[in-house]
PDB file of N, CA and C in Angstrom:
ATOM      1  N   MET A   1     -95.770  37.163  14.984  1.00  0.00           N
ATOM      2  CA  MET A   1     -95.783  38.041  13.832  1.00  0.00           C
ATOM      3  C   MET A   1     -94.671  37.613  12.895  1.00  0.00           C
ATOM      4  N   ASN A   2     -94.975  37.560  11.618  1.00  0.00           N
ATOM      5  CA  ASN A   2     -94.010  37.165  10.600  1.00  0.00           C
ATOM      6  C   ASN A   2     -93.615  38.352   9.737  1.00  0.00           C
ATOM      7  N   PHE A   3     -92.337  38.436   9.457  1.00  0.00           N
ATOM      8  CA  PHE A   3     -91.792  39.448   8.562  1.00  0.00           C
ATOM      9  C   PHE A   3     -91.141  38.683   7.417  1.00  0.00           C
ATOM     10  N   VAL A   4     -91.807  38.688   6.269  1.00  0.00           N
ATOM     11  CA  VAL A   4     -91.346  37.944   5.101  1.00  0.00           C
ATOM     12  C   VAL A   4     -90.646  38.935   4.177  1.00  0.00           C
ATOM     13  N   CYS A   5     -89.360  38.678   3.928  1.00  0.00           N
ATOM     14  CA  CYS A   5     -88.589  39.660   3.162  1.00  0.00           C
ATOM     15  C   CYS A   5     -87.506  38.991   2.326  1.00  0.00           C
ATOM     16  N   TYR A   6     -86.876  39.801   1.507  1.00  0.00           N
ATOM     17  CA  TYR A   6     -85.680  39.404   0.770  1.00  0.00           C
ATOM     18  C   TYR A   6     -84.567  40.284   1.338  1.00  0.00           C
ATOM     19  N   PRO A   7     -83.620  39.706   2.078  1.00  0.00           N
ATOM     20  CA  PRO A   7     -82.615  40.502   2.793  1.00  0.00           C
ATOM     21  C   PRO A   7     -81.840  41.509   1.945  1.00  0.00           C
ATOM     22  N   LYS A   8     -81.689  41.268   0.640  1.00  0.00           N
ATOM     23  CA  LYS A   8     -80.938  42.195  -0.211  1.00  0.00           C
ATOM     24  C   LYS A   8     -81.784  43.374  -0.693  1.00  0.00           C
ATOM     25  N   CYS A   9     -83.085  43.300  -0.474  1.00  0.00           N
ATOM     26  CA  CYS A   9     -84.014  44.343  -0.917  1.00  0.00           C
ATOM     27  C   CYS A   9     -83.906  45.563   0.005  1.00  0.00           C
ATOM     28  N   THR A  10     -83.692  46.746  -0.575  1.00  0.00           N
ATOM     29  CA  THR A  10     -83.517  47.947   0.247  1.00  0.00           C
ATOM     30  C   THR A  10     -84.799  48.319   0.994  1.00  0.00           C
ATOM     31  N   THR A  11     -85.953  48.096   0.383  1.00  0.00           N
ATOM     32  CA  THR A  11     -87.219  48.394   1.062  1.00  0.00           C
ATOM     33  C   THR A  11     -87.392  47.476   2.273  1.00  0.00           C
ATOM     34  N   CYS A  12     -87.018  46.207   2.108  1.00  0.00           N
ATOM     35  CA  CYS A  12     -87.087  45.250   3.220  1.00  0.00           C
ATOM     36  C   CYS A  12     -86.140  45.676   4.338  1.00  0.00           C
ATOM     37  N   GLN A  13     -84.956  46.144   3.957  1.00  0.00           N
ATOM     38  CA  GLN A  13     -83.966  46.593   4.945  1.00  0.00           C
ATOM     39  C   GLN A  13     -84.509  47.777   5.743  1.00  0.00           C
ATOM     40  N   LYS A  14     -85.185  48.702   5.073  1.00  0.00           N
ATOM     41  CA  LYS A  14     -85.770  49.864   5.756  1.00  0.00           C
ATOM     42  C   LYS A  14     -86.854  49.424   6.738  1.00  0.00           C
ATOM     43  N   ALA A  15     -87.701  48.497   6.302  1.00  0.00           N
ATOM     44  CA  ALA A  15     -88.784  48.012   7.162  1.00  0.00           C
ATOM     45  C   ALA A  15     -88.218  47.280   8.373  1.00  0.00           C
ATOM     46  N   LYS A  16     -87.204  46.457   8.150  1.00  0.00           N
ATOM     47  CA  LYS A  16     -86.568  45.703   9.236  1.00  0.00           C
ATOM     48  C   LYS A  16     -85.939  46.667  10.238  1.00  0.00           C
ATOM     49  N   LYS A  17     -85.257  47.674   9.721  1.00  0.00           N
ATOM     50  CA  LYS A  17     -84.632  48.685  10.584  1.00  0.00           C
ATOM     51  C   LYS A  17     -85.693  49.396  11.427  1.00  0.00           C
ATOM     52  N   TRP A  18     -86.816  49.723  10.805  1.00  0.00           N
ATOM     53  CA  TRP A  18     -87.914  50.393  11.518  1.00  0.00           C
ATOM     54  C   TRP A  18     -88.411  49.507  12.666  1.00  0.00           C
ATOM     55  N   LEU A  19     -88.656  48.225  12.381  1.00  0.00           N
ATOM     56  CA  LEU A  19     -89.124  47.294  13.408  1.00  0.00           C
ATOM     57  C   LEU A  19     -88.096  47.154  14.531  1.00  0.00           C
ATOM     58  N   ASP A  20     -86.826  47.019  14.145  1.00  0.00           N
ATOM     59  CA  ASP A  20     -85.760  46.854  15.138  1.00  0.00           C
ATOM     60  C   ASP A  20     -85.624  48.088  16.030  1.00  0.00           C
ATOM     61  N   GLU A  21     -85.703  49.276  15.421  1.00  0.00           N
ATOM     62  CA  GLU A  21     -85.571  50.517  16.193  1.00  0.00           C
ATOM     63  C   GLU A  21     -86.714  50.685  17.192  1.00  0.00           C
ATOM     64  N   LYS A  22     -87.872  50.140  16.858  1.00  0.00           N
ATOM     65  CA  LYS A  22     -89.036  50.232  17.756  1.00  0.00           C
ATOM     66  C   LYS A  22     -89.054  49.079  18.765  1.00  0.00           C
ATOM     67  N   GLY A  23     -88.087  48.156  18.638  1.00  0.00           N
ATOM     68  CA  GLY A  23     -88.013  47.022  19.555  1.00  0.00           C
ATOM     69  C   GLY A  23     -89.140  46.007  19.350  1.00  0.00           C
ATOM     70  N   ILE A  24     -89.649  45.945  18.128  1.00  0.00           N
ATOM     71  CA  ILE A  24     -90.759  45.042  17.815  1.00  0.00           C
ATOM     72  C   ILE A  24     -90.199  43.667  17.439  1.00  0.00           C
ATOM     73  N   LYS A  25     -90.693  42.659  18.122  1.00  0.00           N
ATOM     74  CA  LYS A  25     -90.228  41.284  17.879  1.00  0.00           C
ATOM     75  C   LYS A  25     -90.996  40.672  16.707  1.00  0.00           C
ATOM     76  N   TYR A  26     -90.280  39.927  15.884  1.00  0.00           N
ATOM     77  CA  TYR A  26     -90.888  39.295  14.714  1.00  0.00           C
ATOM     78  C   TYR A  26     -90.085  38.059  14.338  1.00  0.00           C
ATOM     79  N   GLU A  27     -90.711  37.232  13.546  1.00  0.00           N
ATOM     80  CA  GLU A  27     -90.047  36.055  12.996  1.00  0.00           C
ATOM     81  C   GLU A  27     -89.664  36.396  11.558  1.00  0.00           C
ATOM     82  N   LEU A  28     -88.369  36.362  11.262  1.00  0.00           N
ATOM     83  CA  LEU A  28     -87.875  36.712   9.931  1.00  0.00           C
ATOM     84  C   LEU A  28     -87.915  35.492   9.004  1.00  0.00           C
ATOM     85  N   ARG A  29     -88.386  35.719   7.803  1.00  0.00           N
ATOM     86  CA  ARG A  29     -88.449  34.639   6.816  1.00  0.00           C
ATOM     87  C   ARG A  29     -87.926  35.163   5.482  1.00  0.00           C
ATOM     88  N   ASP A  30     -86.889  34.522   4.980  1.00  0.00           N
ATOM     89  CA  ASP A  30     -86.290  34.902   3.700  1.00  0.00           C
ATOM     90  C   ASP A  30     -87.165  34.318   2.580  1.00  0.00           C
ATOM     91  N   ILE A  31     -87.778  35.196   1.811  1.00  0.00           N
ATOM     92  CA  ILE A  31     -88.744  34.783   0.791  1.00  0.00           C
ATOM     93  C   ILE A  31     -88.098  33.983  -0.340  1.00  0.00           C
ATOM     94  N   LYS A  32     -86.803  34.195  -0.549  1.00  0.00           N
ATOM     95  CA  LYS A  32     -86.111  33.454  -1.616  1.00  0.00           C
ATOM     96  C   LYS A  32     -85.819  32.013  -1.174  1.00  0.00           C
ATOM     97  N   GLU A  33     -85.500  31.847   0.097  1.00  0.00           N
ATOM     98  CA  GLU A  33     -85.200  30.514   0.629  1.00  0.00           C
ATOM     99  C   GLU A  33     -86.458  29.755   1.037  1.00  0.00           C
ATOM    100  N   ASN A  34     -87.486  30.475   1.446  1.00  0.00           N
ATOM    101  CA  ASN A  34     -88.695  29.849   1.957  1.00  0.00           C
ATOM    102  C   ASN A  34     -89.910  30.536   1.337  1.00  0.00           C
ATOM    103  N   ASN A  35     -90.181  30.193   0.099  1.00  0.00           N
ATOM    104  CA  ASN A  35     -91.268  30.816  -0.654  1.00  0.00           C
ATOM    105  C   ASN A  35     -92.625  30.535  -0.006  1.00  0.00           C
ATOM    106  N   PRO A  36     -93.486  31.541   0.069  1.00  0.00           N
ATOM    107  CA  PRO A  36     -94.829  31.292   0.606  1.00  0.00           C
ATOM    108  C   PRO A  36     -95.576  30.264  -0.245  1.00  0.00           C
ATOM    109  N   SER A  37     -96.331  29.428   0.418  1.00  0.00           N
ATOM    110  CA  SER A  37     -97.116  28.407  -0.279  1.00  0.00           C
ATOM    111  C   SER A  37     -98.398  29.018  -0.840  1.00  0.00           C
ATOM    112  N   TYR A  38     -99.043  28.265  -1.696  1.00  0.00           N
ATOM    113  CA  TYR A  38    -100.335  28.667  -2.256  1.00  0.00           C
ATOM    114  C   TYR A  38    -101.312  28.981  -1.126  1.00  0.00           C
ATOM    115  N   ASP A  39    -101.401  28.081  -0.137  1.00  0.00           N
ATOM    116  CA  ASP A  39    -102.355  28.275   0.969  1.00  0.00           C
ATOM    117  C   ASP A  39    -102.036  29.513   1.793  1.00  0.00           C
ATOM    118  N   GLU A  40    -100.750  29.743   2.057  1.00  0.00           N
ATOM    119  CA  GLU A  40    -100.364  30.944   2.807  1.00  0.00           C
ATOM    120  C   GLU A  40    -100.740  32.195   2.027  1.00  0.00           C
ATOM    121  N   LEU A  41    -100.385  32.211   0.757  1.00  0.00           N
ATOM    122  CA  LEU A  41    -100.680  33.381  -0.076  1.00  0.00           C
ATOM    123  C   LEU A  41    -102.172  33.651  -0.144  1.00  0.00           C
ATOM    124  N   LYS A  42    -102.961  32.601  -0.281  1.00  0.00           N
ATOM    125  CA  LYS A  42    -104.412  32.763  -0.358  1.00  0.00           C
ATOM    126  C   LYS A  42    -104.946  33.354   0.955  1.00  0.00           C
ATOM    127  N   LYS A  43    -104.467  32.853   2.064  1.00  0.00           N
ATOM    128  CA  LYS A  43    -104.885  33.344   3.384  1.00  0.00           C
ATOM    129  C   LYS A  43    -104.480  34.812   3.566  1.00  0.00           C
ATOM    130  N   TRP A  44    -103.244  35.140   3.227  1.00  0.00           N
ATOM    131  CA  TRP A  44    -102.742  36.505   3.378  1.00  0.00           C
ATOM    132  C   TRP A  44    -103.489  37.464   2.461  1.00  0.00           C
ATOM    133  N   TYR A  45    -103.744  37.011   1.248  1.00  0.00           N
ATOM    134  CA  TYR A  45    -104.476  37.832   0.281  1.00  0.00           C
ATOM    135  C   TYR A  45    -105.857  38.177   0.829  1.00  0.00           C
ATOM    136  N   LYS A  46    -106.569  37.183   1.344  1.00  0.00           N
ATOM    137  CA  LYS A  46    -107.917  37.411   1.904  1.00  0.00           C
ATOM    138  C   LYS A  46    -107.842  38.358   3.100  1.00  0.00           C
ATOM    139  N   ALA A  47    -106.839  38.167   3.967  1.00  0.00           N
ATOM    140  CA  ALA A  47    -106.703  38.992   5.173  1.00  0.00           C
ATOM    141  C   ALA A  47    -106.300  40.427   4.846  1.00  0.00           C
ATOM    142  N   SER A  48    -105.584  40.613   3.738  1.00  0.00           N
ATOM    143  CA  SER A  48    -105.061  41.952   3.412  1.00  0.00           C
ATOM    144  C   SER A  48    -106.146  42.922   2.965  1.00  0.00           C
ATOM    145  N   GLY A  49    -107.187  42.388   2.348  1.00  0.00           N
ATOM    146  CA  GLY A  49    -108.218  43.271   1.799  1.00  0.00           C
ATOM    147  C   GLY A  49    -107.754  44.012   0.552  1.00  0.00           C
ATOM    148  N   GLN A  50    -106.597  43.631   0.034  1.00  0.00           N
ATOM    149  CA  GLN A  50    -106.026  44.288  -1.146  1.00  0.00           C
ATOM    150  C   GLN A  50    -106.311  43.461  -2.393  1.00  0.00           C
ATOM    151  N   PRO A  51    -106.267  44.103  -3.571  1.00  0.00           N
ATOM    152  CA  PRO A  51    -106.387  43.319  -4.804  1.00  0.00           C
ATOM    153  C   PRO A  51    -105.177  42.382  -4.924  1.00  0.00           C
ATOM    154  N   LEU A  52    -105.377  41.239  -5.518  1.00  0.00           N
ATOM    155  CA  LEU A  52    -104.311  40.243  -5.643  1.00  0.00           C
ATOM    156  C   LEU A  52    -103.103  40.795  -6.407  1.00  0.00           C
ATOM    157  N   LYS A  53    -103.351  41.691  -7.338  1.00  0.00           N
ATOM    158  CA  LYS A  53    -102.266  42.295  -8.126  1.00  0.00           C
ATOM    159  C   LYS A  53    -101.220  42.951  -7.217  1.00  0.00           C
ATOM    160  N   LYS A  54    -101.633  43.443  -6.053  1.00  0.00           N
ATOM    161  CA  LYS A  54    -100.710  44.098  -5.117  1.00  0.00           C
ATOM    162  C   LYS A  54     -99.645  43.138  -4.584  1.00  0.00           C
ATOM    163  N   PHE A  55     -99.916  41.841  -4.660  1.00  0.00           N
ATOM    164  CA  PHE A  55     -98.964  40.851  -4.155  1.00  0.00           C
ATOM    165  C   PHE A  55     -97.850  40.553  -5.154  1.00  0.00           C
ATOM    166  N   PHE A  56     -97.973  41.051  -6.366  1.00  0.00           N
ATOM    167  CA  PHE A  56     -96.949  40.800  -7.379  1.00  0.00           C
ATOM    168  C   PHE A  56     -95.867  41.875  -7.336  1.00  0.00           C
ATOM    169  N   ASN A  57     -94.631  41.435  -7.422  1.00  0.00           N
ATOM    170  CA  ASN A  57     -93.483  42.332  -7.486  1.00  0.00           C
ATOM    171  C   ASN A  57     -93.353  42.796  -8.942  1.00  0.00           C
ATOM    172  N   THR A  58     -94.122  43.816  -9.294  1.00  0.00           N
ATOM    173  CA  THR A  58     -94.220  44.253 -10.690  1.00  0.00           C
ATOM    174  C   THR A  58     -92.927  44.872 -11.218  1.00  0.00           C
ATOM    175  N   SER A  59     -92.015  45.237 -10.336  1.00  0.00           N
ATOM    176  CA  SER A  59     -90.746  45.802 -10.815  1.00  0.00           C
ATOM    177  C   SER A  59     -89.649  44.732 -10.907  1.00  0.00           C
ATOM    178  N   GLY A  60     -89.986  43.502 -10.558  1.00  0.00           N
ATOM    179  CA  GLY A  60     -88.994  42.431 -10.570  1.00  0.00           C
ATOM    180  C   GLY A  60     -88.680  41.909 -11.972  1.00  0.00           C
ATOM    181  N   LEU A  61     -87.474  41.419 -12.127  1.00  0.00           N
ATOM    182  CA  LEU A  61     -87.026  40.886 -13.418  1.00  0.00           C
ATOM    183  C   LEU A  61     -87.843  39.669 -13.844  1.00  0.00           C
ATOM    184  N   LEU A  62     -88.166  38.808 -12.890  1.00  0.00           N
ATOM    185  CA  LEU A  62     -88.917  37.599 -13.214  1.00  0.00           C
ATOM    186  C   LEU A  62     -90.328  37.953 -13.704  1.00  0.00           C
ATOM    187  N   TYR A  63     -90.965  38.896 -13.018  1.00  0.00           N
ATOM    188  CA  TYR A  63     -92.303  39.364 -13.419  1.00  0.00           C
ATOM    189  C   TYR A  63     -92.269  39.866 -14.866  1.00  0.00           C
ATOM    190  N   LYS A  64     -91.238  40.639 -15.166  1.00  0.00           N
ATOM    191  CA  LYS A  64     -91.111  41.215 -16.513  1.00  0.00           C
ATOM    192  C   LYS A  64     -90.789  40.147 -17.557  1.00  0.00           C
ATOM    193  N   SER A  65     -89.872  39.242 -17.215  1.00  0.00           N
ATOM    194  CA  SER A  65     -89.487  38.219 -18.190  1.00  0.00           C
ATOM    195  C   SER A  65     -90.634  37.251 -18.484  1.00  0.00           C
ATOM    196  N   MET A  66     -91.514  37.053 -17.518  1.00  0.00           N
ATOM    197  CA  MET A  66     -92.672  36.174 -17.718  1.00  0.00           C
ATOM    198  C   MET A  66     -93.840  36.903 -18.397  1.00  0.00           C
ATOM    199  N   GLU A  67     -93.648  38.224 -18.616  1.00  0.00           N
ATOM    200  CA  GLU A  67     -94.671  39.073 -19.249  1.00  0.00           C
ATOM    201  C   GLU A  67     -96.011  38.988 -18.521  1.00  0.00           C
ATOM    202  N   LEU A  68     -95.946  38.993 -17.189  1.00  0.00           N
ATOM    203  CA  LEU A  68     -97.163  38.837 -16.387  1.00  0.00           C
ATOM    204  C   LEU A  68     -98.089  40.052 -16.469  1.00  0.00           C
ATOM    205  N   LYS A  69     -97.527  41.201 -16.786  1.00  0.00           N
ATOM    206  CA  LYS A  69     -98.362  42.396 -16.925  1.00  0.00           C
ATOM    207  C   LYS A  69     -99.497  42.146 -17.922  1.00  0.00           C
ATOM    208  N   ASN A  70     -99.182  41.448 -19.006  1.00  0.00           N
ATOM    209  CA  ASN A  70    -100.175  41.169 -20.044  1.00  0.00           C
ATOM    210  C   ASN A  70    -101.017  39.927 -19.734  1.00  0.00           C
ATOM    211  N   LYS A  71    -100.456  39.011 -18.946  1.00  0.00           N
ATOM    212  CA  LYS A  71    -101.128  37.736 -18.698  1.00  0.00           C
ATOM    213  C   LYS A  71    -102.097  37.767 -17.507  1.00  0.00           C
ATOM    214  N   LEU A  72    -101.742  38.515 -16.456  1.00  0.00           N
ATOM    215  CA  LEU A  72    -102.557  38.508 -15.234  1.00  0.00           C
ATOM    216  C   LEU A  72    -104.028  38.853 -15.447  1.00  0.00           C
ATOM    217  N   PRO A  73    -104.346  39.871 -16.266  1.00  0.00           N
ATOM    218  CA  PRO A  73    -105.766  40.220 -16.419  1.00  0.00           C
ATOM    219  C   PRO A  73    -106.639  39.071 -16.941  1.00  0.00           C
ATOM    220  N   ASN A  74    -106.044  38.120 -17.639  1.00  0.00           N
ATOM    221  CA  ASN A  74    -106.804  37.006 -18.205  1.00  0.00           C
ATOM    222  C   ASN A  74    -106.741  35.744 -17.350  1.00  0.00           C
ATOM    223  N   MET A  75    -106.116  35.841 -16.191  1.00  0.00           N
ATOM    224  CA  MET A  75    -105.947  34.669 -15.330  1.00  0.00           C
ATOM    225  C   MET A  75    -106.924  34.704 -14.170  1.00  0.00           C
ATOM    226  N   SER A  76    -107.313  33.521 -13.730  1.00  0.00           N
ATOM    227  CA  SER A  76    -108.194  33.432 -12.558  1.00  0.00           C
ATOM    228  C   SER A  76    -107.365  33.722 -11.303  1.00  0.00           C
ATOM    229  N   GLU A  77    -108.071  33.981 -10.217  1.00  0.00           N
ATOM    230  CA  GLU A  77    -107.432  34.208  -8.926  1.00  0.00           C
ATOM    231  C   GLU A  77    -106.564  32.998  -8.558  1.00  0.00           C
ATOM    232  N   GLU A  78    -107.101  31.815  -8.755  1.00  0.00           N
ATOM    233  CA  GLU A  78    -106.373  30.593  -8.423  1.00  0.00           C
ATOM    234  C   GLU A  78    -105.090  30.476  -9.239  1.00  0.00           C
ATOM    235  N   GLU A  79    -105.162  30.768 -10.541  1.00  0.00           N
ATOM    236  CA  GLU A  79    -103.976  30.708 -11.402  1.00  0.00           C
ATOM    237  C   GLU A  79    -102.917  31.716 -10.947  1.00  0.00           C
ATOM    238  N   GLN A  80    -103.368  32.906 -10.570  1.00  0.00           N
ATOM    239  CA  GLN A  80    -102.429  33.932 -10.106  1.00  0.00           C
ATOM    240  C   GLN A  80    -101.741  33.499  -8.807  1.00  0.00           C
ATOM    241  N   LEU A  81    -102.507  32.933  -7.888  1.00  0.00           N
ATOM    242  CA  LEU A  81    -101.935  32.466  -6.624  1.00  0.00           C
ATOM    243  C   LEU A  81    -100.935  31.329  -6.861  1.00  0.00           C
ATOM    244  N   LYS A  82    -101.258  30.447  -7.800  1.00  0.00           N
ATOM    245  CA  LYS A  82    -100.352  29.337  -8.107  1.00  0.00           C
ATOM    246  C   LYS A  82     -99.027  29.857  -8.667  1.00  0.00           C
ATOM    247  N   ILE A  83     -99.094  30.868  -9.514  1.00  0.00           N
ATOM    248  CA  ILE A  83     -97.863  31.460 -10.070  1.00  0.00           C
ATOM    249  C   ILE A  83     -97.053  32.121  -8.953  1.00  0.00           C
ATOM    250  N   LEU A  84     -97.725  32.875  -8.084  1.00  0.00           N
ATOM    251  CA  LEU A  84     -97.024  33.522  -6.971  1.00  0.00           C
ATOM    252  C   LEU A  84     -96.293  32.493  -6.105  1.00  0.00           C
ATOM    253  N   ALA A  85     -96.910  31.332  -5.929  1.00  0.00           N
ATOM    254  CA  ALA A  85     -96.342  30.305  -5.058  1.00  0.00           C
ATOM    255  C   ALA A  85     -95.136  29.594  -5.681  1.00  0.00           C
ATOM    256  N   THR A  86     -94.861  29.845  -6.956  1.00  0.00           N
ATOM    257  CA  THR A  86     -93.748  29.155  -7.614  1.00  0.00           C
ATOM    258  C   THR A  86     -92.393  29.780  -7.300  1.00  0.00           C
ATOM    259  N   ASP A  87     -92.361  31.085  -6.992  1.00  0.00           N
ATOM    260  CA  ASP A  87     -91.077  31.754  -6.784  1.00  0.00           C
ATOM    261  C   ASP A  87     -91.262  33.006  -5.929  1.00  0.00           C
ATOM    262  N   GLY A  88     -90.535  33.067  -4.831  1.00  0.00           N
ATOM    263  CA  GLY A  88     -90.637  34.214  -3.918  1.00  0.00           C
ATOM    264  C   GLY A  88     -90.287  35.539  -4.560  1.00  0.00           C
ATOM    265  N   MET A  89     -89.500  35.501  -5.627  1.00  0.00           N
ATOM    266  CA  MET A  89     -89.109  36.751  -6.279  1.00  0.00           C
ATOM    267  C   MET A  89     -90.272  37.383  -7.051  1.00  0.00           C
ATOM    268  N   LEU A  90     -91.361  36.652  -7.210  1.00  0.00           N
ATOM    269  CA  LEU A  90     -92.555  37.220  -7.840  1.00  0.00           C
ATOM    270  C   LEU A  90     -93.414  37.987  -6.836  1.00  0.00           C
ATOM    271  N   VAL A  91     -93.168  37.751  -5.557  1.00  0.00           N
ATOM    272  CA  VAL A  91     -94.008  38.319  -4.502  1.00  0.00           C
ATOM    273  C   VAL A  91     -93.471  39.659  -4.039  1.00  0.00           C
ATOM    274  N   LYS A  92     -94.353  40.646  -3.961  1.00  0.00           N
ATOM    275  CA  LYS A  92     -93.961  41.966  -3.454  1.00  0.00           C
ATOM    276  C   LYS A  92     -93.578  41.815  -1.992  1.00  0.00           C
ATOM    277  N   ARG A  93     -92.570  42.530  -1.602  1.00  0.00           N
ATOM    278  CA  ARG A  93     -92.081  42.416  -0.242  1.00  0.00           C
ATOM    279  C   ARG A  93     -91.652  43.770   0.288  1.00  0.00           C
ATOM    280  N   PRO A  94     -91.518  43.893   1.576  1.00  0.00           N
ATOM    281  CA  PRO A  94     -91.767  42.862   2.578  1.00  0.00           C
ATOM    282  C   PRO A  94     -93.259  42.630   2.810  1.00  0.00           C
ATOM    283  N   LEU A  95     -93.543  41.497   3.416  1.00  0.00           N
ATOM    284  CA  LEU A  95     -94.889  41.196   3.897  1.00  0.00           C
ATOM    285  C   LEU A  95     -94.801  41.135   5.410  1.00  0.00           C
ATOM    286  N   LEU A  96     -95.689  41.854   6.063  1.00  0.00           N
ATOM    287  CA  LEU A  96     -95.748  41.806   7.520  1.00  0.00           C
ATOM    288  C   LEU A  96     -97.094  41.198   7.886  1.00  0.00           C
ATOM    289  N   ILE A  97     -97.041  40.071   8.575  1.00  0.00           N
ATOM    290  CA  ILE A  97     -98.270  39.370   8.924  1.00  0.00           C
ATOM    291  C   ILE A  97     -98.406  39.364  10.440  1.00  0.00           C
ATOM    292  N   LYS A  98     -99.420  40.075  10.927  1.00  0.00           N
ATOM    293  CA  LYS A  98     -99.657  40.187  12.368  1.00  0.00           C
ATOM    294  C   LYS A  98    -101.133  39.912  12.611  1.00  0.00           C
ATOM    295  N   ASP A  99    -101.409  38.815  13.308  1.00  0.00           N
ATOM    296  CA  ASP A  99    -102.791  38.394  13.562  1.00  0.00           C
ATOM    297  C   ASP A  99    -103.535  38.296  12.232  1.00  0.00           C
ATOM    298  N   ASN A 100    -104.584  39.105  12.053  1.00  0.00           N
ATOM    299  CA  ASN A 100    -105.352  39.065  10.809  1.00  0.00           C
ATOM    300  C   ASN A 100    -105.045  40.255   9.906  1.00  0.00           C
ATOM    301  N   THR A 101    -103.889  40.867  10.118  1.00  0.00           N
ATOM    302  CA  THR A 101    -103.488  42.018   9.315  1.00  0.00           C
ATOM    303  C   THR A 101    -102.279  41.648   8.462  1.00  0.00           C
ATOM    304  N   VAL A 102    -102.339  42.038   7.204  1.00  0.00           N
ATOM    305  CA  VAL A 102    -101.218  41.793   6.295  1.00  0.00           C
ATOM    306  C   VAL A 102    -100.867  43.111   5.617  1.00  0.00           C
ATOM    307  N   LEU A 103     -99.618  43.543   5.799  1.00  0.00           N
ATOM    308  CA  LEU A 103     -99.135  44.742   5.121  1.00  0.00           C
ATOM    309  C   LEU A 103     -98.202  44.315   4.000  1.00  0.00           C
ATOM    310  N   ILE A 104     -98.403  44.900   2.834  1.00  0.00           N
ATOM    311  CA  ILE A 104     -97.613  44.573   1.646  1.00  0.00           C
ATOM    312  C   ILE A 104     -96.710  45.763   1.339  1.00  0.00           C
ATOM    313  N   GLY A 105     -95.415  45.504   1.218  1.00  0.00           N
ATOM    314  CA  GLY A 105     -94.485  46.604   0.988  1.00  0.00           C
ATOM    315  C   GLY A 105     -94.220  47.322   2.308  1.00  0.00           C
ATOM    316  N   PHE A 106     -93.529  48.441   2.248  1.00  0.00           N
ATOM    317  CA  PHE A 106     -93.247  49.200   3.472  1.00  0.00           C
ATOM    318  C   PHE A 106     -93.664  50.647   3.306  1.00  0.00           C
ATOM    319  N   LYS A 107     -94.693  51.006   4.051  1.00  0.00           N
ATOM    320  CA  LYS A 107     -95.094  52.405   4.182  1.00  0.00           C
ATOM    321  C   LYS A 107     -95.075  52.681   5.678  1.00  0.00           C
ATOM    322  N   GLU A 108     -94.182  53.567   6.077  1.00  0.00           N
ATOM    323  CA  GLU A 108     -93.988  53.843   7.501  1.00  0.00           C
ATOM    324  C   GLU A 108     -95.304  54.172   8.199  1.00  0.00           C
ATOM    325  N   LYS A 109     -96.156  54.931   7.528  1.00  0.00           N
ATOM    326  CA  LYS A 109     -97.450  55.322   8.100  1.00  0.00           C
ATOM    327  C   LYS A 109     -98.291  54.093   8.451  1.00  0.00           C
ATOM    328  N   ASP A 110     -98.296  53.094   7.563  1.00  0.00           N
ATOM    329  CA  ASP A 110     -99.074  51.861   7.802  1.00  0.00           C
ATOM    330  C   ASP A 110     -98.500  51.076   8.981  1.00  0.00           C
ATOM    331  N   TYR A 111     -97.187  51.024   9.062  1.00  0.00           N
ATOM    332  CA  TYR A 111     -96.541  50.315  10.178  1.00  0.00           C
ATOM    333  C   TYR A 111     -96.859  51.015  11.495  1.00  0.00           C
ATOM    334  N   GLU A 112     -96.766  52.367  11.493  1.00  0.00           N
ATOM    335  CA  GLU A 112     -97.070  53.128  12.704  1.00  0.00           C
ATOM    336  C   GLU A 112     -98.498  52.888  13.143  1.00  0.00           C
ATOM    337  N   GLU A 113     -99.412  52.866  12.201  1.00  0.00           N
ATOM    338  CA  GLU A 113    -100.830  52.634  12.487  1.00  0.00           C
ATOM    339  C   GLU A 113    -101.034  51.255  13.128  1.00  0.00           C
ATOM    340  N   LEU A 114    -100.349  50.253  12.608  1.00  0.00           N
ATOM    341  CA  LEU A 114    -100.494  48.883  13.099  1.00  0.00           C
ATOM    342  C   LEU A 114     -99.975  48.729  14.530  1.00  0.00           C
ATOM    343  N   PHE A 115     -98.940  49.494  14.886  1.00  0.00           N
ATOM    344  CA  PHE A 115     -98.303  49.304  16.197  1.00  0.00           C
ATOM    345  C   PHE A 115     -98.590  50.407  17.213  1.00  0.00           C
ATOM    346  N   LYS A 116     -99.554  51.277  16.926  1.00  0.00           N
ATOM    347  CA  LYS A 116     -99.819  52.338  17.906  1.00  0.00           C
ATOM    348  C   LYS A 116    -100.628  51.837  19.077  1.00  0.00           C
TER     349      LYS A 116
END
């Protein structure tokens, strides 16, 4: 199981604490140091069942400075995935990847459901 996060992110810290308190083992990956590749993002996106827009960190400075809010609706899925693969700070986090399940962000209820 992979836990892809940005260690300075408070939401990531909460998710990590939750996993640690439950004694759940995971492989930690710093998204800033080891950005997900196009192929990884495409695989995770398909497995998540979520719209691709959910993978964007819409509150991030980079997202805002690139004006992606206005650009994404006119971009193909492939173009969006390529942009996501350029910088980990564009990707919403944390990402929890377990088997064929991908959780985006941290909602305690979703984590509890996955590990019950």
